[in-house]
Amino acid sequence: MSDAIVVLCTCPDNTCARALAQTLLNEKLAACVNLIPQVTSLYCWQGKMEESQEVLLVIKSRRTLFGVLQQRIQTLHPYEVPEILAMPVLNGSPAYLQWLQEQTTP
């Protein structure tokens, strides 16, 4: 198993998503962030059903950086409770995993 993780996070709009992605990249907390626009999210919030158009961030990082990555997202994100879900990468291209490691090393 590698140290690589994929973190999912939704943002209310492209401006927020791009700013968050750029910060994570600049601070070497992520090697790559995909922005997937126009995601429809259905969820219950404060007792009622909600529907929102959001931008999904697919963040490629490392498990050892997750604590700092999570804190940065929580600090910068406009939502009271932002989605921050980390999933382990069980396998991947050795060349890509090496690149990910290099991009997230200060």
C-alpha atoms as a PDB file:
ATOM      1  CA  MET A   1       0.000   0.000   0.000  1.00  0.00           C
ATOM      2  CA  SER A   2       1.258   3.467  -0.826  1.00  0.00           C
ATOM      3  CA  ASP A   3       1.163   6.654   1.238  1.00  0.00           C
ATOM      4  CA  ALA A   4      -1.031   8.234  -1.460  1.00  0.00           C
ATOM      5  CA  ILE A   5      -4.597   9.294  -0.716  1.00  0.00           C
ATOM      6  CA  VAL A   6      -7.444  10.835  -2.683  1.00  0.00           C
ATOM      7  CA  VAL A   7      -9.415  13.479  -0.793  1.00  0.00           C
ATOM      8  CA  LEU A   8     -12.882  14.604  -1.871  1.00  0.00           C
ATOM      9  CA  CYS A   9     -14.135  18.076  -1.027  1.00  0.00           C
ATOM     10  CA  THR A  10     -17.046  20.058  -2.438  1.00  0.00           C
ATOM     11  CA  CYS A  11     -17.088  23.849  -2.819  1.00  0.00           C
ATOM     12  CA  PRO A  12     -19.990  26.216  -3.463  1.00  0.00           C
ATOM     13  CA  ASP A  13     -18.524  27.664  -6.678  1.00  0.00           C
ATOM     14  CA  ASN A  14     -15.559  27.653  -9.050  1.00  0.00           C
ATOM     15  CA  THR A  15     -13.921  30.712  -7.435  1.00  0.00           C
ATOM     16  CA  CYS A  16     -13.791  29.036  -4.038  1.00  0.00           C
ATOM     17  CA  ALA A  17     -12.686  25.705  -5.529  1.00  0.00           C
ATOM     18  CA  ARG A  18      -9.875  27.259  -7.592  1.00  0.00           C
ATOM     19  CA  ALA A  19      -8.583  29.334  -4.657  1.00  0.00           C
ATOM     20  CA  LEU A  20      -8.578  26.310  -2.359  1.00  0.00           C
ATOM     21  CA  ALA A  21      -6.855  24.129  -4.966  1.00  0.00           C
ATOM     22  CA  GLN A  22      -4.177  26.736  -5.635  1.00  0.00           C
ATOM     23  CA  THR A  23      -3.454  27.121  -1.921  1.00  0.00           C
ATOM     24  CA  LEU A  24      -3.111  23.365  -1.425  1.00  0.00           C
ATOM     25  CA  LEU A  25      -0.774  23.144  -4.418  1.00  0.00           C
ATOM     26  CA  ASN A  26       1.300  26.173  -3.399  1.00  0.00           C
ATOM     27  CA  GLU A  27       1.717  24.792   0.110  1.00  0.00           C
ATOM     28  CA  LYS A  28       2.668  21.343  -1.281  1.00  0.00           C
ATOM     29  CA  LEU A  29      -0.243  19.693   0.482  1.00  0.00           C
ATOM     30  CA  ALA A  30      -1.477  18.315  -2.852  1.00  0.00           C
ATOM     31  CA  ALA A  31       0.225  17.172  -6.034  1.00  0.00           C
ATOM     32  CA  CYS A  32      -2.850  17.603  -8.223  1.00  0.00           C
ATOM     33  CA  VAL A  33      -6.415  18.821  -7.770  1.00  0.00           C
ATOM     34  CA  ASN A  34      -9.166  18.110 -10.288  1.00  0.00           C
ATOM     35  CA  LEU A  35     -12.112  20.523 -10.304  1.00  0.00           C
ATOM     36  CA  ILE A  36     -15.323  18.897 -11.482  1.00  0.00           C
ATOM     37  CA  PRO A  37     -17.981  21.575 -12.008  1.00  0.00           C
ATOM     38  CA  GLN A  38     -21.758  21.327 -11.806  1.00  0.00           C
ATOM     39  CA  VAL A  39     -22.048  18.487  -9.328  1.00  0.00           C
ATOM     40  CA  THR A  40     -25.549  18.256  -7.898  1.00  0.00           C
ATOM     41  CA  SER A  41     -25.455  17.439  -4.194  1.00  0.00           C
ATOM     42  CA  LEU A  42     -28.497  16.273  -2.247  1.00  0.00           C
ATOM     43  CA  TYR A  43     -28.154  16.166   1.536  1.00  0.00           C
ATOM     44  CA  CYS A  44     -29.943  16.793   4.811  1.00  0.00           C
ATOM     45  CA  TRP A  45     -28.800  19.864   6.709  1.00  0.00           C
ATOM     46  CA  GLN A  46     -30.332  21.156   9.935  1.00  0.00           C
ATOM     47  CA  GLY A  47     -33.388  18.944   9.551  1.00  0.00           C
ATOM     48  CA  LYS A  48     -34.308  19.652   5.943  1.00  0.00           C
ATOM     49  CA  MET A  49     -33.477  18.279   2.534  1.00  0.00           C
ATOM     50  CA  GLU A  50     -31.111  20.506   0.546  1.00  0.00           C
ATOM     51  CA  GLU A  51     -29.980  20.513  -3.077  1.00  0.00           C
ATOM     52  CA  SER A  52     -26.925  22.469  -4.209  1.00  0.00           C
ATOM     53  CA  GLN A  53     -24.857  22.913  -7.325  1.00  0.00           C
ATOM     54  CA  GLU A  54     -21.232  22.499  -6.271  1.00  0.00           C
ATOM     55  CA  VAL A  55     -17.721  21.975  -7.591  1.00  0.00           C
ATOM     56  CA  LEU A  56     -16.095  18.696  -6.563  1.00  0.00           C
ATOM     57  CA  LEU A  57     -12.386  18.766  -5.781  1.00  0.00           C
ATOM     58  CA  VAL A  58     -10.484  15.497  -6.221  1.00  0.00           C
ATOM     59  CA  ILE A  59      -7.261  16.108  -4.311  1.00  0.00           C
ATOM     60  CA  LYS A  60      -4.246  13.812  -4.668  1.00  0.00           C
ATOM     61  CA  SER A  61      -2.021  13.906  -1.594  1.00  0.00           C
ATOM     62  CA  ARG A  62      -0.296  11.733   1.000  1.00  0.00           C
ATOM     63  CA  ARG A  63      -1.657  10.173   4.168  1.00  0.00           C
ATOM     64  CA  THR A  64       1.139  11.781   6.221  1.00  0.00           C
ATOM     65  CA  LEU A  65      -0.085  15.234   5.129  1.00  0.00           C
ATOM     66  CA  PHE A  66      -3.771  14.631   5.839  1.00  0.00           C
ATOM     67  CA  GLY A  67      -3.894  16.373   9.230  1.00  0.00           C
ATOM     68  CA  VAL A  68      -2.438  19.607   7.868  1.00  0.00           C
ATOM     69  CA  LEU A  69      -4.458  19.315   4.638  1.00  0.00           C
ATOM     70  CA  GLN A  70      -7.687  18.878   6.589  1.00  0.00           C
ATOM     71  CA  GLN A  71      -6.893  21.866   8.810  1.00  0.00           C
ATOM     72  CA  ARG A  72      -6.165  24.107   5.802  1.00  0.00           C
ATOM     73  CA  ILE A  73      -9.416  23.134   4.122  1.00  0.00           C
ATOM     74  CA  GLN A  74     -11.380  23.802   7.324  1.00  0.00           C
ATOM     75  CA  THR A  75      -9.676  27.179   7.767  1.00  0.00           C
ATOM     76  CA  LEU A  76     -10.223  28.358   4.180  1.00  0.00           C
ATOM     77  CA  HIS A  77     -13.585  26.775   3.368  1.00  0.00           C
ATOM     78  CA  PRO A  78     -16.781  28.841   3.618  1.00  0.00           C
ATOM     79  CA  TYR A  79     -18.967  25.911   4.767  1.00  0.00           C
ATOM     80  CA  GLU A  80     -19.548  25.349   8.458  1.00  0.00           C
ATOM     81  CA  VAL A  81     -18.935  21.624   7.898  1.00  0.00           C
ATOM     82  CA  PRO A  82     -17.019  21.068   4.651  1.00  0.00           C
ATOM     83  CA  GLU A  83     -16.873  17.631   3.066  1.00  0.00           C
ATOM     84  CA  ILE A  84     -13.387  16.208   3.654  1.00  0.00           C
ATOM     85  CA  LEU A  85     -13.149  12.495   2.881  1.00  0.00           C
ATOM     86  CA  ALA A  86      -9.815  10.716   2.443  1.00  0.00           C
ATOM     87  CA  MET A  87      -9.492   7.374   0.684  1.00  0.00           C
ATOM     88  CA  PRO A  88      -6.312   5.311   0.488  1.00  0.00           C
ATOM     89  CA  VAL A  89      -4.737   4.556  -2.862  1.00  0.00           C
ATOM     90  CA  LEU A  90      -4.145   0.809  -2.822  1.00  0.00           C
ATOM     91  CA  ASN A  91      -2.215   0.716  -6.080  1.00  0.00           C
ATOM     92  CA  GLY A  92      -1.113   3.096  -8.778  1.00  0.00           C
ATOM     93  CA  SER A  93       1.404   3.738 -11.482  1.00  0.00           C
ATOM     94  CA  PRO A  94       4.836   3.737  -9.811  1.00  0.00           C
ATOM     95  CA  ALA A  95       5.873   6.743 -11.900  1.00  0.00           C
ATOM     96  CA  TYR A  96       2.749   8.714 -10.882  1.00  0.00           C
ATOM     97  CA  LEU A  97       3.141   7.794  -7.207  1.00  0.00           C
ATOM     98  CA  GLN A  98       6.780   8.906  -7.326  1.00  0.00           C
ATOM     99  CA  TRP A  99       5.745  12.213  -8.947  1.00  0.00           C
ATOM    100  CA  LEU A 100       3.053  12.675  -6.265  1.00  0.00           C
ATOM    101  CA  GLN A 101       5.673  12.129  -3.567  1.00  0.00           C
ATOM    102  CA  GLU A 102       8.034  14.653  -5.171  1.00  0.00           C
ATOM    103  CA  GLN A 103       5.333  17.309  -5.579  1.00  0.00           C
ATOM    104  CA  THR A 104       4.289  17.093  -1.936  1.00  0.00           C
ATOM    105  CA  THR A 105       7.764  17.206  -0.437  1.00  0.00           C
ATOM    106  CA  PRO A 106       8.916  20.683   0.651  1.00  0.00           C
END
